[in-house]
Amino acid sequence: MSRCLRLRCPVCGRSSIVGKPFQIKHQCDSCNALFKREEGFFVGAILANVVVTEFVIVAVYVMSLALFASRFQLILGILFSLAVIFPLAFYHHSWSFWLGLDQLIEGLPQAGKEKR
């Protein structure tokens, strides 16, 4: 899972999973592990992003209530900004987490050897 934090291939750890900003490579440059497989595989990465974003928003909300108890406009501004920025900043990590979880459960297939 430490490879996921560093956005590395969950199989070999040698190559980055990121091609360009907001674009995940199709496969690993080193070991040919497939990062993008069947249609709908990415839904798990979206789910991971949404769930972590919601937990972060709730945690910041609780802390904001303690710090800015009566300044509700400020709290709403902070939460709105966080709700827009955090999912974008966490995009690659949510994919990395999802790929790492898939690697732990069933292993990522290699290009040309896809599971049918």
PDB file of N, CA and C in Angstrom:
ATOM      1  N   MET A   1       0.826  -1.201   0.000  1.00  0.00           N
ATOM      2  CA  MET A   1       0.000   0.000   0.000  1.00  0.00           C
ATOM      3  C   MET A   1       0.869   1.262   0.000  1.00  0.00           C
ATOM      4  N   SER A   2       2.139   1.134   0.416  1.00  0.00           N
ATOM      5  CA  SER A   2       3.012   2.314   0.366  1.00  0.00           C
ATOM      6  C   SER A   2       3.255   2.748  -1.073  1.00  0.00           C
ATOM      7  N   ARG A   3       3.212   1.796  -2.000  1.00  0.00           N
ATOM      8  CA  ARG A   3       3.339   2.153  -3.417  1.00  0.00           C
ATOM      9  C   ARG A   3       2.169   3.027  -3.853  1.00  0.00           C
ATOM     10  N   CYS A   4       1.005   2.768  -3.286  1.00  0.00           N
ATOM     11  CA  CYS A   4      -0.189   3.561  -3.643  1.00  0.00           C
ATOM     12  C   CYS A   4      -0.016   5.012  -3.226  1.00  0.00           C
ATOM     13  N   LEU A   5       0.559   5.225  -2.060  1.00  0.00           N
ATOM     14  CA  LEU A   5       0.778   6.600  -1.596  1.00  0.00           C
ATOM     15  C   LEU A   5       1.748   7.348  -2.497  1.00  0.00           C
ATOM     16  N   ARG A   6       2.670   6.606  -3.095  1.00  0.00           N
ATOM     17  CA  ARG A   6       3.669   7.221  -3.980  1.00  0.00           C
ATOM     18  C   ARG A   6       3.243   7.212  -5.443  1.00  0.00           C
ATOM     19  N   LEU A   7       2.000   6.745  -5.717  1.00  0.00           N
ATOM     20  CA  LEU A   7       1.442   6.675  -7.076  1.00  0.00           C
ATOM     21  C   LEU A   7       2.277   5.793  -7.990  1.00  0.00           C
ATOM     22  N   ARG A   8       2.770   4.692  -7.443  1.00  0.00           N
ATOM     23  CA  ARG A   8       3.580   3.740  -8.205  1.00  0.00           C
ATOM     24  C   ARG A   8       2.740   2.523  -8.554  1.00  0.00           C
ATOM     25  N   CYS A   9       3.217   1.738  -9.479  1.00  0.00           N
ATOM     26  CA  CYS A   9       2.548   0.499  -9.865  1.00  0.00           C
ATOM     27  C   CYS A   9       2.423  -0.402  -8.640  1.00  0.00           C
ATOM     28  N   PRO A  10       1.225  -0.907  -8.345  1.00  0.00           N
ATOM     29  CA  PRO A  10       1.065  -1.758  -7.168  1.00  0.00           C
ATOM     30  C   PRO A  10       1.729  -3.122  -7.316  1.00  0.00           C
ATOM     31  N   VAL A  11       2.062  -3.528  -8.536  1.00  0.00           N
ATOM     32  CA  VAL A  11       2.685  -4.830  -8.761  1.00  0.00           C
ATOM     33  C   VAL A  11       4.192  -4.751  -8.572  1.00  0.00           C
ATOM     34  N   CYS A  12       4.859  -3.847  -9.305  1.00  0.00           N
ATOM     35  CA  CYS A  12       6.323  -3.802  -9.269  1.00  0.00           C
ATOM     36  C   CYS A  12       6.878  -2.589  -8.522  1.00  0.00           C
ATOM     37  N   GLY A  13       6.138  -1.498  -8.468  1.00  0.00           N
ATOM     38  CA  GLY A  13       6.584  -0.292  -7.785  1.00  0.00           C
ATOM     39  C   GLY A  13       7.601   0.531  -8.548  1.00  0.00           C
ATOM     40  N   ARG A  14       7.903   0.155  -9.784  1.00  0.00           N
ATOM     41  CA  ARG A  14       8.938   0.864 -10.540  1.00  0.00           C
ATOM     42  C   ARG A  14       8.408   2.015 -11.379  1.00  0.00           C
ATOM     43  N   SER A  15       7.179   1.939 -11.822  1.00  0.00           N
ATOM     44  CA  SER A  15       6.636   2.924 -12.748  1.00  0.00           C
ATOM     45  C   SER A  15       5.490   3.686 -12.109  1.00  0.00           C
ATOM     46  N   SER A  16       5.299   4.916 -12.541  1.00  0.00           N
ATOM     47  CA  SER A  16       4.178   5.728 -12.062  1.00  0.00           C
ATOM     48  C   SER A  16       2.891   5.284 -12.757  1.00  0.00           C
ATOM     49  N   ILE A  17       1.767   5.408 -12.066  1.00  0.00           N
ATOM     50  CA  ILE A  17       0.484   5.089 -12.687  1.00  0.00           C
ATOM     51  C   ILE A  17      -0.076   6.288 -13.446  1.00  0.00           C
ATOM     52  N   VAL A  18       0.522   7.460 -13.270  1.00  0.00           N
ATOM     53  CA  VAL A  18       0.013   8.707 -13.845  1.00  0.00           C
ATOM     54  C   VAL A  18       0.666   8.969 -15.195  1.00  0.00           C
ATOM     55  N   GLY A  19      -0.175   9.187 -16.211  1.00  0.00           N
ATOM     56  CA  GLY A  19       0.334   9.556 -17.527  1.00  0.00           C
ATOM     57  C   GLY A  19       0.461  11.063 -17.634  1.00  0.00           C
ATOM     58  N   LYS A  20      -0.650  11.744 -17.487  1.00  0.00           N
ATOM     59  CA  LYS A  20      -0.738  13.203 -17.487  1.00  0.00           C
ATOM     60  C   LYS A  20      -1.658  13.573 -16.333  1.00  0.00           C
ATOM     61  N   PRO A  21      -1.762  14.855 -16.000  1.00  0.00           N
ATOM     62  CA  PRO A  21      -2.731  15.219 -14.959  1.00  0.00           C
ATOM     63  C   PRO A  21      -4.136  14.712 -15.321  1.00  0.00           C
ATOM     64  N   PHE A  22      -4.760  14.058 -14.372  1.00  0.00           N
ATOM     65  CA  PHE A  22      -6.096  13.473 -14.509  1.00  0.00           C
ATOM     66  C   PHE A  22      -6.169  12.404 -15.590  1.00  0.00           C
ATOM     67  N   GLN A  23      -5.043  11.741 -15.844  1.00  0.00           N
ATOM     68  CA  GLN A  23      -5.035  10.626 -16.783  1.00  0.00           C
ATOM     69  C   GLN A  23      -4.165   9.510 -16.213  1.00  0.00           C
ATOM     70  N   ILE A  24      -4.768   8.347 -16.047  1.00  0.00           N
ATOM     71  CA  ILE A  24      -4.058   7.173 -15.565  1.00  0.00           C
ATOM     72  C   ILE A  24      -3.577   6.393 -16.781  1.00  0.00           C
ATOM     73  N   LYS A  25      -2.350   5.880 -16.713  1.00  0.00           N
ATOM     74  CA  LYS A  25      -1.817   5.077 -17.813  1.00  0.00           C
ATOM     75  C   LYS A  25      -2.667   3.823 -18.003  1.00  0.00           C
ATOM     76  N   HIS A  26      -2.636   3.295 -19.204  1.00  0.00           N
ATOM     77  CA  HIS A  26      -3.383   2.065 -19.489  1.00  0.00           C
ATOM     78  C   HIS A  26      -2.714   0.852 -18.845  1.00  0.00           C
ATOM     79  N   GLN A  27      -1.376   0.858 -18.818  1.00  0.00           N
ATOM     80  CA  GLN A  27      -0.633  -0.253 -18.231  1.00  0.00           C
ATOM     81  C   GLN A  27       0.707   0.235 -17.704  1.00  0.00           C
ATOM     82  N   CYS A  28       1.347  -0.592 -16.889  1.00  0.00           N
ATOM     83  CA  CYS A  28       2.649  -0.262 -16.310  1.00  0.00           C
ATOM     84  C   CYS A  28       3.724  -0.324 -17.390  1.00  0.00           C
ATOM     85  N   ASP A  29       4.622   0.638 -17.387  1.00  0.00           N
ATOM     86  CA  ASP A  29       5.719   0.649 -18.354  1.00  0.00           C
ATOM     87  C   ASP A  29       6.743  -0.448 -18.070  1.00  0.00           C
ATOM     88  N   SER A  30       6.836  -0.888 -16.826  1.00  0.00           N
ATOM     89  CA  SER A  30       7.853  -1.875 -16.449  1.00  0.00           C
ATOM     90  C   SER A  30       7.359  -3.316 -16.512  1.00  0.00           C
ATOM     91  N   CYS A  31       6.206  -3.604 -15.890  1.00  0.00           N
ATOM     92  CA  CYS A  31       5.753  -4.996 -15.777  1.00  0.00           C
ATOM     93  C   CYS A  31       4.500  -5.303 -16.599  1.00  0.00           C
ATOM     94  N   ASN A  32       3.984  -4.323 -17.328  1.00  0.00           N
ATOM     95  CA  ASN A  32       2.803  -4.473 -18.179  1.00  0.00           C
ATOM     96  C   ASN A  32       1.517  -4.824 -17.431  1.00  0.00           C
ATOM     97  N   ALA A  33       1.452  -4.543 -16.138  1.00  0.00           N
ATOM     98  CA  ALA A  33       0.205  -4.754 -15.403  1.00  0.00           C
ATOM     99  C   ALA A  33      -0.830  -3.767 -15.922  1.00  0.00           C
ATOM    100  N   LEU A  34      -2.040  -4.252 -16.149  1.00  0.00           N
ATOM    101  CA  LEU A  34      -3.104  -3.392 -16.667  1.00  0.00           C
ATOM    102  C   LEU A  34      -3.695  -2.542 -15.556  1.00  0.00           C
ATOM    103  N   PHE A  35      -3.753  -1.247 -15.780  1.00  0.00           N
ATOM    104  CA  PHE A  35      -4.380  -0.338 -14.837  1.00  0.00           C
ATOM    105  C   PHE A  35      -5.836  -0.080 -15.216  1.00  0.00           C
ATOM    106  N   LYS A  36      -6.123  -0.074 -16.502  1.00  0.00           N
ATOM    107  CA  LYS A  36      -7.489   0.138 -16.989  1.00  0.00           C
ATOM    108  C   LYS A  36      -7.912  -1.152 -17.681  1.00  0.00           C
ATOM    109  N   ARG A  37      -8.973  -1.736 -17.160  1.00  0.00           N
ATOM    110  CA  ARG A  37      -9.410  -3.009 -17.707  1.00  0.00           C
ATOM    111  C   ARG A  37     -10.781  -2.865 -18.336  1.00  0.00           C
ATOM    112  N   GLU A  38     -11.737  -3.609 -17.865  1.00  0.00           N
ATOM    113  CA  GLU A  38     -13.069  -3.596 -18.463  1.00  0.00           C
ATOM    114  C   GLU A  38     -13.799  -2.292 -18.162  1.00  0.00           C
ATOM    115  N   GLU A  39     -14.826  -2.067 -18.947  1.00  0.00           N
ATOM    116  CA  GLU A  39     -15.668  -0.891 -18.758  1.00  0.00           C
ATOM    117  C   GLU A  39     -16.288  -0.938 -17.364  1.00  0.00           C
ATOM    118  N   GLY A  40     -16.218   0.150 -16.638  1.00  0.00           N
ATOM    119  CA  GLY A  40     -16.800   0.208 -15.304  1.00  0.00           C
ATOM    120  C   GLY A  40     -15.820  -0.091 -14.184  1.00  0.00           C
ATOM    121  N   PHE A  41     -14.598  -0.506 -14.500  1.00  0.00           N
ATOM    122  CA  PHE A  41     -13.608  -0.799 -13.471  1.00  0.00           C
ATOM    123  C   PHE A  41     -13.292   0.440 -12.638  1.00  0.00           C
ATOM    124  N   PHE A  42     -13.378   1.607 -13.259  1.00  0.00           N
ATOM    125  CA  PHE A  42     -13.039   2.865 -12.604  1.00  0.00           C
ATOM    126  C   PHE A  42     -14.057   3.284 -11.543  1.00  0.00           C
ATOM    127  N   VAL A  43     -15.215   2.655 -11.493  1.00  0.00           N
ATOM    128  CA  VAL A  43     -16.252   3.039 -10.536  1.00  0.00           C
ATOM    129  C   VAL A  43     -15.743   2.898  -9.097  1.00  0.00           C
ATOM    130  N   GLY A  44     -14.918   1.903  -8.840  1.00  0.00           N
ATOM    131  CA  GLY A  44     -14.341   1.731  -7.507  1.00  0.00           C
ATOM    132  C   GLY A  44     -13.447   2.894  -7.117  1.00  0.00           C
ATOM    133  N   ALA A  45     -12.692   3.420  -8.080  1.00  0.00           N
ATOM    134  CA  ALA A  45     -11.833   4.573  -7.807  1.00  0.00           C
ATOM    135  C   ALA A  45     -12.684   5.806  -7.510  1.00  0.00           C
ATOM    136  N   ILE A  46     -13.783   5.957  -8.219  1.00  0.00           N
ATOM    137  CA  ILE A  46     -14.697   7.073  -7.960  1.00  0.00           C
ATOM    138  C   ILE A  46     -15.293   6.928  -6.569  1.00  0.00           C
ATOM    139  N   LEU A  47     -15.700   5.718  -6.223  1.00  0.00           N
ATOM    140  CA  LEU A  47     -16.257   5.460  -4.896  1.00  0.00           C
ATOM    141  C   LEU A  47     -15.243   5.799  -3.806  1.00  0.00           C
ATOM    142  N   ALA A  48     -13.997   5.372  -3.980  1.00  0.00           N
ATOM    143  CA  ALA A  48     -12.954   5.678  -2.998  1.00  0.00           C
ATOM    144  C   ALA A  48     -12.784   7.186  -2.851  1.00  0.00           C
ATOM    145  N   ASN A  49     -12.809   7.910  -3.958  1.00  0.00           N
ATOM    146  CA  ASN A  49     -12.650   9.362  -3.923  1.00  0.00           C
ATOM    147  C   ASN A  49     -13.809  10.016  -3.175  1.00  0.00           C
ATOM    148  N   VAL A  50     -15.032   9.591  -3.455  1.00  0.00           N
ATOM    149  CA  VAL A  50     -16.204  10.177  -2.813  1.00  0.00           C
ATOM    150  C   VAL A  50     -16.205   9.890  -1.308  1.00  0.00           C
ATOM    151  N   VAL A  51     -15.930   8.650  -0.934  1.00  0.00           N
ATOM    152  CA  VAL A  51     -15.967   8.271   0.485  1.00  0.00           C
ATOM    153  C   VAL A  51     -14.901   9.028   1.278  1.00  0.00           C
ATOM    154  N   VAL A  52     -13.674   9.074   0.772  1.00  0.00           N
ATOM    155  CA  VAL A  52     -12.606   9.781   1.490  1.00  0.00           C
ATOM    156  C   VAL A  52     -12.912  11.275   1.548  1.00  0.00           C
ATOM    157  N   THR A  53     -13.432  11.835   0.473  1.00  0.00           N
ATOM    158  CA  THR A  53     -13.799  13.255   0.468  1.00  0.00           C
ATOM    159  C   THR A  53     -14.846  13.548   1.532  1.00  0.00           C
ATOM    160  N   GLU A  54     -15.848  12.701   1.636  1.00  0.00           N
ATOM    161  CA  GLU A  54     -16.890  12.909   2.650  1.00  0.00           C
ATOM    162  C   GLU A  54     -16.330  12.825   4.066  1.00  0.00           C
ATOM    163  N   PHE A  55     -15.452  11.867   4.319  1.00  0.00           N
ATOM    164  CA  PHE A  55     -14.836  11.776   5.647  1.00  0.00           C
ATOM    165  C   PHE A  55     -14.007  13.016   5.957  1.00  0.00           C
ATOM    166  N   VAL A  56     -13.266  13.516   4.984  1.00  0.00           N
ATOM    167  CA  VAL A  56     -12.457  14.719   5.194  1.00  0.00           C
ATOM    168  C   VAL A  56     -13.363  15.922   5.465  1.00  0.00           C
ATOM    169  N   ILE A  57     -14.443  16.053   4.719  1.00  0.00           N
ATOM    170  CA  ILE A  57     -15.364  17.174   4.920  1.00  0.00           C
ATOM    171  C   ILE A  57     -15.974  17.126   6.320  1.00  0.00           C
ATOM    172  N   VAL A  58     -16.400  15.953   6.760  1.00  0.00           N
ATOM    173  CA  VAL A  58     -16.982  15.832   8.103  1.00  0.00           C
ATOM    174  C   VAL A  58     -15.938  16.157   9.172  1.00  0.00           C
ATOM    175  N   ALA A  59     -14.713  15.664   9.005  1.00  0.00           N
ATOM    176  CA  ALA A  59     -13.657  15.947   9.983  1.00  0.00           C
ATOM    177  C   ALA A  59     -13.352  17.444  10.050  1.00  0.00           C
ATOM    178  N   VAL A  60     -13.253  18.091   8.899  1.00  0.00           N
ATOM    179  CA  VAL A  60     -12.997  19.531   8.876  1.00  0.00           C
ATOM    180  C   VAL A  60     -14.179  20.298   9.457  1.00  0.00           C
ATOM    181  N   TYR A  61     -15.384  19.838   9.204  1.00  0.00           N
ATOM    182  CA  TYR A  61     -16.576  20.474   9.770  1.00  0.00           C
ATOM    183  C   TYR A  61     -16.542  20.436  11.302  1.00  0.00           C
ATOM    184  N   VAL A  62     -16.228  19.281  11.856  1.00  0.00           N
ATOM    185  CA  VAL A  62     -16.164  19.157  13.318  1.00  0.00           C
ATOM    186  C   VAL A  62     -15.080  20.066  13.887  1.00  0.00           C
ATOM    187  N   MET A  63     -13.917  20.096  13.251  1.00  0.00           N
ATOM    188  CA  MET A  63     -12.845  20.978  13.724  1.00  0.00           C
ATOM    189  C   MET A  63     -13.224  22.446  13.565  1.00  0.00           C
ATOM    190  N   SER A  64     -13.897  22.782  12.457  1.00  0.00           N
ATOM    191  CA  SER A  64     -14.315  24.168  12.223  1.00  0.00           C
ATOM    192  C   SER A  64     -15.323  24.637  13.258  1.00  0.00           C
ATOM    193  N   LEU A  65     -16.209  23.752  13.671  1.00  0.00           N
ATOM    194  CA  LEU A  65     -17.172  24.129  14.712  1.00  0.00           C
ATOM    195  C   LEU A  65     -16.459  24.484  16.009  1.00  0.00           C
ATOM    196  N   ALA A  66     -15.399  23.764  16.315  1.00  0.00           N
ATOM    197  CA  ALA A  66     -14.648  24.056  17.532  1.00  0.00           C
ATOM    198  C   ALA A  66     -13.878  25.380  17.410  1.00  0.00           C
ATOM    199  N   LEU A  67     -13.370  25.674  16.228  1.00  0.00           N
ATOM    200  CA  LEU A  67     -12.559  26.878  16.035  1.00  0.00           C
ATOM    201  C   LEU A  67     -13.386  28.123  15.729  1.00  0.00           C
ATOM    202  N   PHE A  68     -14.419  27.973  14.902  1.00  0.00           N
ATOM    203  CA  PHE A  68     -15.210  29.119  14.437  1.00  0.00           C
ATOM    204  C   PHE A  68     -16.681  28.905  14.773  1.00  0.00           C
ATOM    205  N   ALA A  69     -17.005  28.685  15.999  1.00  0.00           N
ATOM    206  CA  ALA A  69     -18.341  28.255  16.420  1.00  0.00           C
ATOM    207  C   ALA A  69     -19.485  29.102  15.870  1.00  0.00           C
ATOM    208  N   SER A  70     -19.357  30.394  15.854  1.00  0.00           N
ATOM    209  CA  SER A  70     -20.487  31.231  15.450  1.00  0.00           C
ATOM    210  C   SER A  70     -20.329  31.829  14.050  1.00  0.00           C
ATOM    211  N   ARG A  71     -19.288  31.496  13.343  1.00  0.00           N
ATOM    212  CA  ARG A  71     -19.044  32.070  12.020  1.00  0.00           C
ATOM    213  C   ARG A  71     -19.435  31.060  10.938  1.00  0.00           C
ATOM    214  N   PHE A  72     -20.725  30.866  10.772  1.00  0.00           N
ATOM    215  CA  PHE A  72     -21.232  29.825   9.873  1.00  0.00           C
ATOM    216  C   PHE A  72     -20.912  30.094   8.403  1.00  0.00           C
ATOM    217  N   GLN A  73     -20.878  31.360   7.996  1.00  0.00           N
ATOM    218  CA  GLN A  73     -20.534  31.680   6.605  1.00  0.00           C
ATOM    219  C   GLN A  73     -19.099  31.258   6.301  1.00  0.00           C
ATOM    220  N   LEU A  74     -18.200  31.478   7.256  1.00  0.00           N
ATOM    221  CA  LEU A  74     -16.813  31.066   7.081  1.00  0.00           C
ATOM    222  C   LEU A  74     -16.709  29.551   6.996  1.00  0.00           C
ATOM    223  N   ILE A  75     -17.423  28.867   7.876  1.00  0.00           N
ATOM    224  CA  ILE A  75     -17.409  27.403   7.863  1.00  0.00           C
ATOM    225  C   ILE A  75     -17.939  26.873   6.531  1.00  0.00           C
ATOM    226  N   LEU A  76     -19.035  27.433   6.041  1.00  0.00           N
ATOM    227  CA  LEU A  76     -19.585  27.002   4.757  1.00  0.00           C
ATOM    228  C   LEU A  76     -18.627  27.276   3.606  1.00  0.00           C
ATOM    229  N   GLY A  77     -17.941  28.406   3.658  1.00  0.00           N
ATOM    230  CA  GLY A  77     -16.945  28.713   2.629  1.00  0.00           C
ATOM    231  C   GLY A  77     -15.796  27.721   2.622  1.00  0.00           C
ATOM    232  N   ILE A  78     -15.323  27.395   3.807  1.00  0.00           N
ATOM    233  CA  ILE A  78     -14.239  26.411   3.927  1.00  0.00           C
ATOM    234  C   ILE A  78     -14.694  25.050   3.406  1.00  0.00           C
ATOM    235  N   LEU A  79     -15.875  24.620   3.817  1.00  0.00           N
ATOM    236  CA  LEU A  79     -16.376  23.315   3.397  1.00  0.00           C
ATOM    237  C   LEU A  79     -16.650  23.254   1.896  1.00  0.00           C
ATOM    238  N   PHE A  80     -17.194  24.332   1.344  1.00  0.00           N
ATOM    239  CA  PHE A  80     -17.433  24.368  -0.098  1.00  0.00           C
ATOM    240  C   PHE A  80     -16.122  24.288  -0.871  1.00  0.00           C
ATOM    241  N   SER A  81     -15.137  25.078  -0.448  1.00  0.00           N
ATOM    242  CA  SER A  81     -13.827  25.044  -1.106  1.00  0.00           C
ATOM    243  C   SER A  81     -13.206  23.658  -1.023  1.00  0.00           C
ATOM    244  N   LEU A  82     -13.308  23.058   0.141  1.00  0.00           N
ATOM    245  CA  LEU A  82     -12.772  21.714   0.335  1.00  0.00           C
ATOM    246  C   LEU A  82     -13.496  20.692  -0.543  1.00  0.00           C
ATOM    247  N   ALA A  83     -14.816  20.827  -0.655  1.00  0.00           N
ATOM    248  CA  ALA A  83     -15.601  19.894  -1.467  1.00  0.00           C
ATOM    249  C   ALA A  83     -15.270  19.993  -2.954  1.00  0.00           C
ATOM    250  N   VAL A  84     -14.781  21.137  -3.393  1.00  0.00           N
ATOM    251  CA  VAL A  84     -14.403  21.302  -4.793  1.00  0.00           C
ATOM    252  C   VAL A  84     -12.950  20.897  -5.025  1.00  0.00           C
ATOM    253  N   ILE A  85     -12.052  21.308  -4.141  1.00  0.00           N
ATOM    254  CA  ILE A  85     -10.617  21.104  -4.359  1.00  0.00           C
ATOM    255  C   ILE A  85     -10.148  19.700  -3.993  1.00  0.00           C
ATOM    256  N   PHE A  86     -10.615  19.146  -2.874  1.00  0.00           N
ATOM    257  CA  PHE A  86     -10.089  17.862  -2.408  1.00  0.00           C
ATOM    258  C   PHE A  86     -10.278  16.717  -3.400  1.00  0.00           C
ATOM    259  N   PRO A  87     -11.467  16.527  -3.996  1.00  0.00           N
ATOM    260  CA  PRO A  87     -11.602  15.411  -4.938  1.00  0.00           C
ATOM    261  C   PRO A  87     -10.668  15.526  -6.142  1.00  0.00           C
ATOM    262  N   LEU A  88     -10.405  16.747  -6.577  1.00  0.00           N
ATOM    263  CA  LEU A  88      -9.463  16.939  -7.682  1.00  0.00           C
ATOM    264  C   LEU A  88      -8.040  16.589  -7.256  1.00  0.00           C
ATOM    265  N   ALA A  89      -7.669  17.014  -6.060  1.00  0.00           N
ATOM    266  CA  ALA A  89      -6.317  16.740  -5.559  1.00  0.00           C
ATOM    267  C   ALA A  89      -6.132  15.258  -5.229  1.00  0.00           C
ATOM    268  N   PHE A  90      -7.203  14.567  -4.876  1.00  0.00           N
ATOM    269  CA  PHE A  90      -7.138  13.167  -4.462  1.00  0.00           C
ATOM    270  C   PHE A  90      -7.383  12.200  -5.622  1.00  0.00           C
ATOM    271  N   TYR A  91      -7.626  12.704  -6.820  1.00  0.00           N
ATOM    272  CA  TYR A  91      -7.989  11.880  -7.974  1.00  0.00           C
ATOM    273  C   TYR A  91      -6.996  10.748  -8.219  1.00  0.00           C
ATOM    274  N   HIS A  92      -5.729  11.069  -8.380  1.00  0.00           N
ATOM    275  CA  HIS A  92      -4.728  10.037  -8.675  1.00  0.00           C
ATOM    276  C   HIS A  92      -4.576   9.054  -7.522  1.00  0.00           C
ATOM    277  N   HIS A  93      -4.648   9.552  -6.295  1.00  0.00           N
ATOM    278  CA  HIS A  93      -4.501   8.670  -5.144  1.00  0.00           C
ATOM    279  C   HIS A  93      -5.677   7.711  -5.008  1.00  0.00           C
ATOM    280  N   SER A  94      -6.873   8.156  -5.389  1.00  0.00           N
ATOM    281  CA  SER A  94      -8.016   7.243  -5.324  1.00  0.00           C
ATOM    282  C   SER A  94      -7.854   6.113  -6.340  1.00  0.00           C
ATOM    283  N   TRP A  95      -7.340   6.411  -7.526  1.00  0.00           N
ATOM    284  CA  TRP A  95      -7.045   5.374  -8.510  1.00  0.00           C
ATOM    285  C   TRP A  95      -5.965   4.447  -7.981  1.00  0.00           C
ATOM    286  N   SER A  96      -4.938   5.026  -7.404  1.00  0.00           N
ATOM    287  CA  SER A  96      -3.836   4.227  -6.880  1.00  0.00           C
ATOM    288  C   SER A  96      -4.312   3.302  -5.764  1.00  0.00           C
ATOM    289  N   PHE A  97      -5.142   3.822  -4.872  1.00  0.00           N
ATOM    290  CA  PHE A  97      -5.699   3.015  -3.797  1.00  0.00           C
ATOM    291  C   PHE A  97      -6.546   1.878  -4.358  1.00  0.00           C
ATOM    292  N   TRP A  98      -7.379   2.163  -5.355  1.00  0.00           N
ATOM    293  CA  TRP A  98      -8.238   1.156  -5.941  1.00  0.00           C
ATOM    294  C   TRP A  98      -7.416   0.063  -6.632  1.00  0.00           C
ATOM    295  N   LEU A  99      -6.369   0.464  -7.356  1.00  0.00           N
ATOM    296  CA  LEU A  99      -5.498  -0.517  -8.004  1.00  0.00           C
ATOM    297  C   LEU A  99      -4.751  -1.364  -6.972  1.00  0.00           C
ATOM    298  N   GLY A 100      -4.286  -0.731  -5.897  1.00  0.00           N
ATOM    299  CA  GLY A 100      -3.600  -1.473  -4.839  1.00  0.00           C
ATOM    300  C   GLY A 100      -4.515  -2.470  -4.153  1.00  0.00           C
ATOM    301  N   LEU A 101      -5.750  -2.074  -3.918  1.00  0.00           N
ATOM    302  CA  LEU A 101      -6.726  -2.982  -3.312  1.00  0.00           C
ATOM    303  C   LEU A 101      -7.021  -4.158  -4.247  1.00  0.00           C
ATOM    304  N   ASP A 102      -7.158  -3.865  -5.529  1.00  0.00           N
ATOM    305  CA  ASP A 102      -7.387  -4.933  -6.503  1.00  0.00           C
ATOM    306  C   ASP A 102      -6.185  -5.873  -6.584  1.00  0.00           C
ATOM    307  N   GLN A 103      -4.992  -5.324  -6.497  1.00  0.00           N
ATOM    308  CA  GLN A 103      -3.778  -6.142  -6.511  1.00  0.00           C
ATOM    309  C   GLN A 103      -3.744  -7.058  -5.288  1.00  0.00           C
ATOM    310  N   LEU A 104      -4.125  -6.553  -4.127  1.00  0.00           N
ATOM    311  CA  LEU A 104      -4.137  -7.374  -2.914  1.00  0.00           C
ATOM    312  C   LEU A 104      -5.176  -8.485  -2.982  1.00  0.00           C
ATOM    313  N   ILE A 105      -6.338  -8.196  -3.561  1.00  0.00           N
ATOM    314  CA  ILE A 105      -7.428  -9.167  -3.576  1.00  0.00           C
ATOM    315  C   ILE A 105      -7.243 -10.225  -4.655  1.00  0.00           C
ATOM    316  N   GLU A 106      -7.015  -9.814  -5.896  1.00  0.00           N
ATOM    317  CA  GLU A 106      -6.944 -10.800  -6.966  1.00  0.00           C
ATOM    318  C   GLU A 106      -5.739 -10.664  -7.889  1.00  0.00           C
ATOM    319  N   GLY A 107      -4.948  -9.639  -7.728  1.00  0.00           N
ATOM    320  CA  GLY A 107      -3.790  -9.430  -8.592  1.00  0.00           C
ATOM    321  C   GLY A 107      -4.192  -8.763  -9.893  1.00  0.00           C
ATOM    322  N   LEU A 108      -3.379  -7.846 -10.350  1.00  0.00           N
ATOM    323  CA  LEU A 108      -3.655  -7.155 -11.606  1.00  0.00           C
ATOM    324  C   LEU A 108      -3.186  -8.022 -12.776  1.00  0.00           C
ATOM    325  N   PRO A 109      -4.023  -8.160 -13.815  1.00  0.00           N
ATOM    326  CA  PRO A 109      -3.593  -8.938 -14.980  1.00  0.00           C
ATOM    327  C   PRO A 109      -2.559  -8.165 -15.782  1.00  0.00           C
ATOM    328  N   GLN A 110      -1.807  -8.894 -16.594  1.00  0.00           N
ATOM    329  CA  GLN A 110      -0.829  -8.248 -17.456  1.00  0.00           C
ATOM    330  C   GLN A 110      -1.432  -8.028 -18.845  1.00  0.00           C
ATOM    331  N   ALA A 111      -0.920  -7.023 -19.542  1.00  0.00           N
ATOM    332  CA  ALA A 111      -1.399  -6.726 -20.887  1.00  0.00           C
ATOM    333  C   ALA A 111      -1.207  -7.951 -21.768  1.00  0.00           C
ATOM    334  N   GLY A 112      -2.231  -8.308 -22.515  1.00  0.00           N
ATOM    335  CA  GLY A 112      -2.179  -9.476 -23.376  1.00  0.00           C
ATOM    336  C   GLY A 112      -2.622 -10.752 -22.687  1.00  0.00           C
ATOM    337  N   LYS A 113      -2.736 -10.720 -21.363  1.00  0.00           N
ATOM    338  CA  LYS A 113      -3.142 -11.893 -20.592  1.00  0.00           C
ATOM    339  C   LYS A 113      -4.364 -11.566 -19.748  1.00  0.00           C
ATOM    340  N   GLU A 114      -5.276 -10.771 -20.297  1.00  0.00           N
ATOM    341  CA  GLU A 114      -6.438 -10.298 -19.547  1.00  0.00           C
ATOM    342  C   GLU A 114      -7.350 -11.458 -19.181  1.00  0.00           C
ATOM    343  N   LYS A 115      -7.988 -11.333 -18.007  1.00  0.00           N
ATOM    344  CA  LYS A 115      -8.959 -12.338 -17.567  1.00  0.00           C
ATOM    345  C   LYS A 115     -10.230 -12.192 -18.376  1.00  0.00           C
ATOM    346  N   ARG A 116     -10.827 -13.250 -18.767  1.00  0.00           N
ATOM    347  CA  ARG A 116     -12.073 -13.226 -19.542  1.00  0.00           C
ATOM    348  C   ARG A 116     -13.199 -13.765 -18.708  1.00  0.00           C
TER     349      ARG A 116
END
